[in-house]
Amino acid sequence: MANETNNDFAGSINGLLETVGKLGQQQVDMLNSGIKTASEMAAPLGKTMTDLAGNALNAVNQVLQSVSSAISGKK
């Protein structure tokens, strides 16, 4: 009987440690997935921000050219 109790206890401990290990592995997998997703989002977001800044500068340049043309045309 004592041997069966020890086996049950050892089996319970092994099951508990296996579950804790699986939970830890799942957390690591989720963290890796989050990092991968964030890095995949960063490249298109960076390109969009660069394009937006370029378009804004082009718009400002066109406005300045129009103002300059209007001023020089009045002379």
PDB file of N, CA and C in Angstrom:
ATOM      1  N   MET A   1       0.807  -1.192   0.000  1.00  0.00           N
ATOM      2  CA  MET A   1       0.000   0.000   0.000  1.00  0.00           C
ATOM      3  C   MET A   1       0.860   1.271   0.000  1.00  0.00           C
ATOM      4  N   ALA A   2       1.884   1.299   0.808  1.00  0.00           N
ATOM      5  CA  ALA A   2       2.733   2.481   0.894  1.00  0.00           C
ATOM      6  C   ALA A   2       3.397   2.752  -0.443  1.00  0.00           C
ATOM      7  N   ASN A   3       3.765   1.686  -1.148  1.00  0.00           N
ATOM      8  CA  ASN A   3       4.401   1.843  -2.444  1.00  0.00           C
ATOM      9  C   ASN A   3       3.429   2.470  -3.440  1.00  0.00           C
ATOM     10  N   GLU A   4       2.164   2.069  -3.405  1.00  0.00           N
ATOM     11  CA  GLU A   4       1.161   2.645  -4.303  1.00  0.00           C
ATOM     12  C   GLU A   4       0.954   4.127  -4.002  1.00  0.00           C
ATOM     13  N   THR A   5       0.967   4.505  -2.742  1.00  0.00           N
ATOM     14  CA  THR A   5       0.805   5.904  -2.356  1.00  0.00           C
ATOM     15  C   THR A   5       1.967   6.734  -2.874  1.00  0.00           C
ATOM     16  N   ASN A   6       3.191   6.181  -2.761  1.00  0.00           N
ATOM     17  CA  ASN A   6       4.366   6.884  -3.273  1.00  0.00           C
ATOM     18  C   ASN A   6       4.276   7.030  -4.783  1.00  0.00           C
ATOM     19  N   ASN A   7       3.806   5.990  -5.491  1.00  0.00           N
ATOM     20  CA  ASN A   7       3.675   6.059  -6.942  1.00  0.00           C
ATOM     21  C   ASN A   7       2.621   7.087  -7.353  1.00  0.00           C
ATOM     22  N   ASP A   8       1.505   7.117  -6.610  1.00  0.00           N
ATOM     23  CA  ASP A   8       0.475   8.112  -6.897  1.00  0.00           C
ATOM     24  C   ASP A   8       1.001   9.526  -6.668  1.00  0.00           C
ATOM     25  N   PHE A   9       1.731   9.705  -5.583  1.00  0.00           N
ATOM     26  CA  PHE A   9       2.297  11.017  -5.276  1.00  0.00           C
ATOM     27  C   PHE A   9       3.310  11.426  -6.349  1.00  0.00           C
ATOM     28  N   ALA A  10       4.177  10.485  -6.732  1.00  0.00           N
ATOM     29  CA  ALA A  10       5.176  10.785  -7.762  1.00  0.00           C
ATOM     30  C   ALA A  10       4.486  11.089  -9.087  1.00  0.00           C
ATOM     31  N   GLY A  11       3.435  10.345  -9.404  1.00  0.00           N
ATOM     32  CA  GLY A  11       2.692  10.606 -10.640  1.00  0.00           C
ATOM     33  C   GLY A  11       2.035  11.971 -10.608  1.00  0.00           C
ATOM     34  N   SER A  12       1.506  12.359  -9.475  1.00  0.00           N
ATOM     35  CA  SER A  12       0.880  13.679  -9.326  1.00  0.00           C
ATOM     36  C   SER A  12       1.912  14.788  -9.504  1.00  0.00           C
ATOM     37  N   ILE A  13       3.053  14.607  -8.877  1.00  0.00           N
ATOM     38  CA  ILE A  13       4.125  15.614  -8.993  1.00  0.00           C
ATOM     39  C   ILE A  13       4.595  15.702 -10.452  1.00  0.00           C
ATOM     40  N   ASN A  14       4.775  14.558 -11.097  1.00  0.00           N
ATOM     41  CA  ASN A  14       5.206  14.573 -12.500  1.00  0.00           C
ATOM     42  C   ASN A  14       4.170  15.265 -13.380  1.00  0.00           C
ATOM     43  N   GLY A  15       2.899  14.964 -13.138  1.00  0.00           N
ATOM     44  CA  GLY A  15       1.836  15.615 -13.905  1.00  0.00           C
ATOM     45  C   GLY A  15       1.814  17.113 -13.685  1.00  0.00           C
ATOM     46  N   LEU A  16       2.001  17.528 -12.442  1.00  0.00           N
ATOM     47  CA  LEU A  16       2.031  18.956 -12.116  1.00  0.00           C
ATOM     48  C   LEU A  16       3.209  19.650 -12.790  1.00  0.00           C
ATOM     49  N   LEU A  17       4.385  19.031 -12.717  1.00  0.00           N
ATOM     50  CA  LEU A  17       5.561  19.635 -13.348  1.00  0.00           C
ATOM     51  C   LEU A  17       5.419  19.690 -14.867  1.00  0.00           C
ATOM     52  N   GLU A  18       4.807  18.669 -15.450  1.00  0.00           N
ATOM     53  CA  GLU A  18       4.572  18.663 -16.891  1.00  0.00           C
ATOM     54  C   GLU A  18       3.630  19.804 -17.291  1.00  0.00           C
ATOM     55  N   THR A  19       2.590  20.013 -16.495  1.00  0.00           N
ATOM     56  CA  THR A  19       1.642  21.092 -16.767  1.00  0.00           C
ATOM     57  C   THR A  19       2.311  22.452 -16.639  1.00  0.00           C
ATOM     58  N   VAL A  20       3.109  22.631 -15.601  1.00  0.00           N
ATOM     59  CA  VAL A  20       3.830  23.899 -15.414  1.00  0.00           C
ATOM     60  C   VAL A  20       4.783  24.133 -16.590  1.00  0.00           C
ATOM     61  N   GLY A  21       5.450  23.088 -17.027  1.00  0.00           N
ATOM     62  CA  GLY A  21       6.349  23.210 -18.172  1.00  0.00           C
ATOM     63  C   GLY A  21       5.622  23.612 -19.439  1.00  0.00           C
ATOM     64  N   LYS A  22       4.452  23.007 -19.665  1.00  0.00           N
ATOM     65  CA  LYS A  22       3.665  23.349 -20.851  1.00  0.00           C
ATOM     66  C   LYS A  22       3.185  24.795 -20.793  1.00  0.00           C
ATOM     67  N   LEU A  23       2.752  25.242 -19.607  1.00  0.00           N
ATOM     68  CA  LEU A  23       2.323  26.631 -19.458  1.00  0.00           C
ATOM     69  C   LEU A  23       3.476  27.595 -19.727  1.00  0.00           C
ATOM     70  N   GLY A  24       4.648  27.274 -19.218  1.00  0.00           N
ATOM     71  CA  GLY A  24       5.820  28.114 -19.461  1.00  0.00           C
ATOM     72  C   GLY A  24       6.164  28.165 -20.938  1.00  0.00           C
ATOM     73  N   GLN A  25       6.084  27.027 -21.605  1.00  0.00           N
ATOM     74  CA  GLN A  25       6.392  26.985 -23.038  1.00  0.00           C
ATOM     75  C   GLN A  25       5.371  27.796 -23.835  1.00  0.00           C
ATOM     76  N   GLN A  26       4.103  27.721 -23.440  1.00  0.00           N
ATOM     77  CA  GLN A  26       3.076  28.490 -24.130  1.00  0.00           C
ATOM     78  C   GLN A  26       3.301  29.988 -23.958  1.00  0.00           C
ATOM     79  N   GLN A  27       3.756  30.407 -22.782  1.00  0.00           N
ATOM     80  CA  GLN A  27       4.039  31.825 -22.572  1.00  0.00           C
ATOM     81  C   GLN A  27       5.199  32.285 -23.450  1.00  0.00           C
ATOM     82  N   VAL A  28       6.215  31.459 -23.560  1.00  0.00           N
ATOM     83  CA  VAL A  28       7.355  31.797 -24.419  1.00  0.00           C
ATOM     84  C   VAL A  28       6.903  31.863 -25.873  1.00  0.00           C
ATOM     85  N   ASP A  29       6.076  30.926 -26.292  1.00  0.00           N
ATOM     86  CA  ASP A  29       5.566  30.932 -27.664  1.00  0.00           C
ATOM     87  C   ASP A  29       4.728  32.173 -27.945  1.00  0.00           C
ATOM     88  N   MET A  30       3.904  32.566 -26.983  1.00  0.00           N
ATOM     89  CA  MET A  30       3.087  33.765 -27.164  1.00  0.00           C
ATOM     90  C   MET A  30       3.953  35.017 -27.240  1.00  0.00           C
ATOM     91  N   LEU A  31       4.982  35.085 -26.434  1.00  0.00           N
ATOM     92  CA  LEU A  31       5.894  36.227 -26.463  1.00  0.00           C
ATOM     93  C   LEU A  31       6.610  36.296 -27.811  1.00  0.00           C
ATOM     94  N   ASN A  32       7.090  35.167 -28.288  1.00  0.00           N
ATOM     95  CA  ASN A  32       7.761  35.124 -29.590  1.00  0.00           C
ATOM     96  C   ASN A  32       6.810  35.544 -30.705  1.00  0.00           C
ATOM     97  N   SER A  33       5.573  35.076 -30.628  1.00  0.00           N
ATOM     98  CA  SER A  33       4.584  35.440 -31.637  1.00  0.00           C
ATOM     99  C   SER A  33       4.308  36.936 -31.612  1.00  0.00           C
ATOM    100  N   GLY A  34       4.216  37.507 -30.430  1.00  0.00           N
ATOM    101  CA  GLY A  34       3.993  38.946 -30.306  1.00  0.00           C
ATOM    102  C   GLY A  34       5.141  39.749 -30.874  1.00  0.00           C
ATOM    103  N   ILE A  35       6.356  39.323 -30.601  1.00  0.00           N
ATOM    104  CA  ILE A  35       7.531  40.022 -31.134  1.00  0.00           C
ATOM    105  C   ILE A  35       7.559  39.928 -32.658  1.00  0.00           C
ATOM    106  N   LYS A  36       7.253  38.748 -33.172  1.00  0.00           N
ATOM    107  CA  LYS A  36       7.244  38.555 -34.629  1.00  0.00           C
ATOM    108  C   LYS A  36       6.183  39.437 -35.281  1.00  0.00           C
ATOM    109  N   THR A  37       5.008  39.483 -34.688  1.00  0.00           N
ATOM    110  CA  THR A  37       3.926  40.301 -35.239  1.00  0.00           C
ATOM    111  C   THR A  37       4.299  41.780 -35.203  1.00  0.00           C
ATOM    112  N   ALA A  38       4.878  42.223 -34.107  1.00  0.00           N
ATOM    113  CA  ALA A  38       5.281  43.631 -33.993  1.00  0.00           C
ATOM    114  C   ALA A  38       6.331  43.989 -35.032  1.00  0.00           C
ATOM    115  N   SER A  39       7.289  43.103 -35.259  1.00  0.00           N
ATOM    116  CA  SER A  39       8.328  43.397 -36.253  1.00  0.00           C
ATOM    117  C   SER A  39       7.767  43.368 -37.667  1.00  0.00           C
ATOM    118  N   GLU A  40       6.779  42.508 -37.922  1.00  0.00           N
ATOM    119  CA  GLU A  40       6.162  42.474 -39.247  1.00  0.00           C
ATOM    120  C   GLU A  40       5.321  43.726 -39.502  1.00  0.00           C
ATOM    121  N   MET A  41       4.795  44.317 -38.444  1.00  0.00           N
ATOM    122  CA  MET A  41       4.008  45.539 -38.593  1.00  0.00           C
ATOM    123  C   MET A  41       4.893  46.761 -38.725  1.00  0.00           C
ATOM    124  N   ALA A  42       6.089  46.722 -38.192  1.00  0.00           N
ATOM    125  CA  ALA A  42       6.952  47.898 -38.157  1.00  0.00           C
ATOM    126  C   ALA A  42       7.397  48.327 -39.547  1.00  0.00           C
ATOM    127  N   ALA A  43       7.710  47.396 -40.418  1.00  0.00           N
ATOM    128  CA  ALA A  43       8.224  47.745 -41.749  1.00  0.00           C
ATOM    129  C   ALA A  43       7.176  48.495 -42.576  1.00  0.00           C
ATOM    130  N   PRO A  44       5.959  47.974 -42.734  1.00  0.00           N
ATOM    131  CA  PRO A  44       4.972  48.734 -43.514  1.00  0.00           C
ATOM    132  C   PRO A  44       4.596  50.070 -42.864  1.00  0.00           C
ATOM    133  N   LEU A  45       4.553  50.087 -41.537  1.00  0.00           N
ATOM    134  CA  LEU A  45       4.226  51.326 -40.840  1.00  0.00           C
ATOM    135  C   LEU A  45       5.314  52.371 -41.073  1.00  0.00           C
ATOM    136  N   GLY A  46       6.557  51.961 -41.032  1.00  0.00           N
ATOM    137  CA  GLY A  46       7.662  52.877 -41.289  1.00  0.00           C
ATOM    138  C   GLY A  46       7.624  53.420 -42.705  1.00  0.00           C
ATOM    139  N   LYS A  47       7.314  52.566 -43.670  1.00  0.00           N
ATOM    140  CA  LYS A  47       7.214  53.003 -45.066  1.00  0.00           C
ATOM    141  C   LYS A  47       6.078  53.987 -45.237  1.00  0.00           C
ATOM    142  N   THR A  48       4.956  53.714 -44.603  1.00  0.00           N
ATOM    143  CA  THR A  48       3.809  54.614 -44.700  1.00  0.00           C
ATOM    144  C   THR A  48       4.123  55.975 -44.094  1.00  0.00           C
ATOM    145  N   MET A  49       4.799  55.966 -42.954  1.00  0.00           N
ATOM    146  CA  MET A  49       5.160  57.237 -42.313  1.00  0.00           C
ATOM    147  C   MET A  49       6.132  58.035 -43.192  1.00  0.00           C
ATOM    148  N   THR A  50       7.077  57.350 -43.821  1.00  0.00           N
ATOM    149  CA  THR A  50       8.029  58.024 -44.704  1.00  0.00           C
ATOM    150  C   THR A  50       7.318  58.598 -45.920  1.00  0.00           C
ATOM    151  N   ASP A  51       6.407  57.825 -46.501  1.00  0.00           N
ATOM    152  CA  ASP A  51       5.646  58.304 -47.654  1.00  0.00           C
ATOM    153  C   ASP A  51       4.790  59.509 -47.286  1.00  0.00           C
ATOM    154  N   LEU A  52       4.174  59.458 -46.109  1.00  0.00           N
ATOM    155  CA  LEU A  52       3.329  60.564 -45.653  1.00  0.00           C
ATOM    156  C   LEU A  52       4.158  61.832 -45.466  1.00  0.00           C
ATOM    157  N   ALA A  53       5.321  61.700 -44.869  1.00  0.00           N
ATOM    158  CA  ALA A  53       6.191  62.863 -44.669  1.00  0.00           C
ATOM    159  C   ALA A  53       6.636  63.430 -46.015  1.00  0.00           C
ATOM    160  N   GLY A  54       6.972  62.555 -46.963  1.00  0.00           N
ATOM    161  CA  GLY A  54       7.376  63.014 -48.293  1.00  0.00           C
ATOM    162  C   GLY A  54       6.247  63.734 -49.006  1.00  0.00           C
ATOM    163  N   ASN A  55       5.034  63.197 -48.896  1.00  0.00           N
ATOM    164  CA  ASN A  55       3.886  63.834 -49.536  1.00  0.00           C
ATOM    165  C   ASN A  55       3.600  65.198 -48.909  1.00  0.00           C
ATOM    166  N   ALA A  56       3.739  65.294 -47.598  1.00  0.00           N
ATOM    167  CA  ALA A  56       3.510  66.578 -46.926  1.00  0.00           C
ATOM    168  C   ALA A  56       4.545  67.609 -47.379  1.00  0.00           C
ATOM    169  N   LEU A  57       5.784  67.200 -47.496  1.00  0.00           N
ATOM    170  CA  LEU A  57       6.828  68.129 -47.952  1.00  0.00           C
ATOM    171  C   LEU A  57       6.594  68.555 -49.399  1.00  0.00           C
ATOM    172  N   ASN A  58       6.150  67.639 -50.225  1.00  0.00           N
ATOM    173  CA  ASN A  58       5.835  67.990 -51.616  1.00  0.00           C
ATOM    174  C   ASN A  58       4.688  68.991 -51.677  1.00  0.00           C
ATOM    175  N   ALA A  59       3.675  68.808 -50.834  1.00  0.00           N
ATOM    176  CA  ALA A  59       2.548  69.735 -50.811  1.00  0.00           C
ATOM    177  C   ALA A  59       3.003  71.127 -50.376  1.00  0.00           C
ATOM    178  N   VAL A  60       3.841  71.197 -49.350  1.00  0.00           N
ATOM    179  CA  VAL A  60       4.362  72.488 -48.891  1.00  0.00           C
ATOM    180  C   VAL A  60       5.189  73.136 -49.987  1.00  0.00           C
ATOM    181  N   ASN A  61       5.993  72.367 -50.680  1.00  0.00           N
ATOM    182  CA  ASN A  61       6.815  72.892 -51.761  1.00  0.00           C
ATOM    183  C   ASN A  61       5.951  73.453 -52.885  1.00  0.00           C
ATOM    184  N   GLN A  62       4.873  72.769 -53.220  1.00  0.00           N
ATOM    185  CA  GLN A  62       3.977  73.257 -54.277  1.00  0.00           C
ATOM    186  C   GLN A  62       3.290  74.553 -53.857  1.00  0.00           C
ATOM    187  N   VAL A  63       2.892  74.636 -52.596  1.00  0.00           N
ATOM    188  CA  VAL A  63       2.281  75.877 -52.108  1.00  0.00           C
ATOM    189  C   VAL A  63       3.279  77.020 -52.187  1.00  0.00           C
ATOM    190  N   LEU A  64       4.506  76.780 -51.772  1.00  0.00           N
ATOM    191  CA  LEU A  64       5.527  77.829 -51.824  1.00  0.00           C
ATOM    192  C   LEU A  64       5.815  78.257 -53.261  1.00  0.00           C
ATOM    193  N   GLN A  65       5.833  77.301 -54.174  1.00  0.00           N
ATOM    194  CA  GLN A  65       6.049  77.638 -55.582  1.00  0.00           C
ATOM    195  C   GLN A  65       4.892  78.465 -56.124  1.00  0.00           C
ATOM    196  N   SER A  66       3.664  78.133 -55.729  1.00  0.00           N
ATOM    197  CA  SER A  66       2.498  78.893 -56.183  1.00  0.00           C
ATOM    198  C   SER A  66       2.539  80.315 -55.637  1.00  0.00           C
ATOM    199  N   VAL A  67       2.887  80.453 -54.369  1.00  0.00           N
ATOM    200  CA  VAL A  67       2.985  81.786 -53.768  1.00  0.00           C
ATOM    201  C   VAL A  67       4.090  82.571 -54.443  1.00  0.00           C
ATOM    202  N   SER A  68       5.206  81.933 -54.692  1.00  0.00           N
ATOM    203  CA  SER A  68       6.321  82.610 -55.345  1.00  0.00           C
ATOM    204  C   SER A  68       5.950  83.055 -56.749  1.00  0.00           C
ATOM    205  N   SER A  69       5.243  82.201 -57.474  1.00  0.00           N
ATOM    206  CA  SER A  69       4.815  82.541 -58.836  1.00  0.00           C
ATOM    207  C   SER A  69       3.813  83.694 -58.808  1.00  0.00           C
ATOM    208  N   ALA A  70       2.928  83.680 -57.846  1.00  0.00           N
ATOM    209  CA  ALA A  70       1.932  84.744 -57.751  1.00  0.00           C
ATOM    210  C   ALA A  70       2.595  86.081 -57.421  1.00  0.00           C
ATOM    211  N   ILE A  71       3.603  86.055 -56.543  1.00  0.00           N
ATOM    212  CA  ILE A  71       4.289  87.290 -56.169  1.00  0.00           C
ATOM    213  C   ILE A  71       5.122  87.813 -57.344  1.00  0.00           C
ATOM    214  N   SER A  72       5.838  86.929 -58.014  1.00  0.00           N
ATOM    215  CA  SER A  72       6.694  87.383 -59.123  1.00  0.00           C
ATOM    216  C   SER A  72       5.873  87.753 -60.336  1.00  0.00           C
ATOM    217  N   GLY A  73       4.671  87.237 -60.475  1.00  0.00           N
ATOM    218  CA  GLY A  73       3.804  87.575 -61.609  1.00  0.00           C
ATOM    219  C   GLY A  73       3.204  88.960 -61.475  1.00  0.00           C
ATOM    220  N   LYS A  74       3.090  89.479 -60.253  1.00  0.00           N
ATOM    221  CA  LYS A  74       2.511  90.797 -60.029  1.00  0.00           C
ATOM    222  C   LYS A  74       3.481  91.915 -60.320  1.00  0.00           C
ATOM    223  N   LYS A  75       4.757  91.667 -60.419  1.00  0.00           N
ATOM    224  CA  LYS A  75       5.758  92.708 -60.600  1.00  0.00           C
ATOM    225  C   LYS A  75       5.739  93.243 -61.986  1.00  0.00           C
TER     226      LYS A  75
END
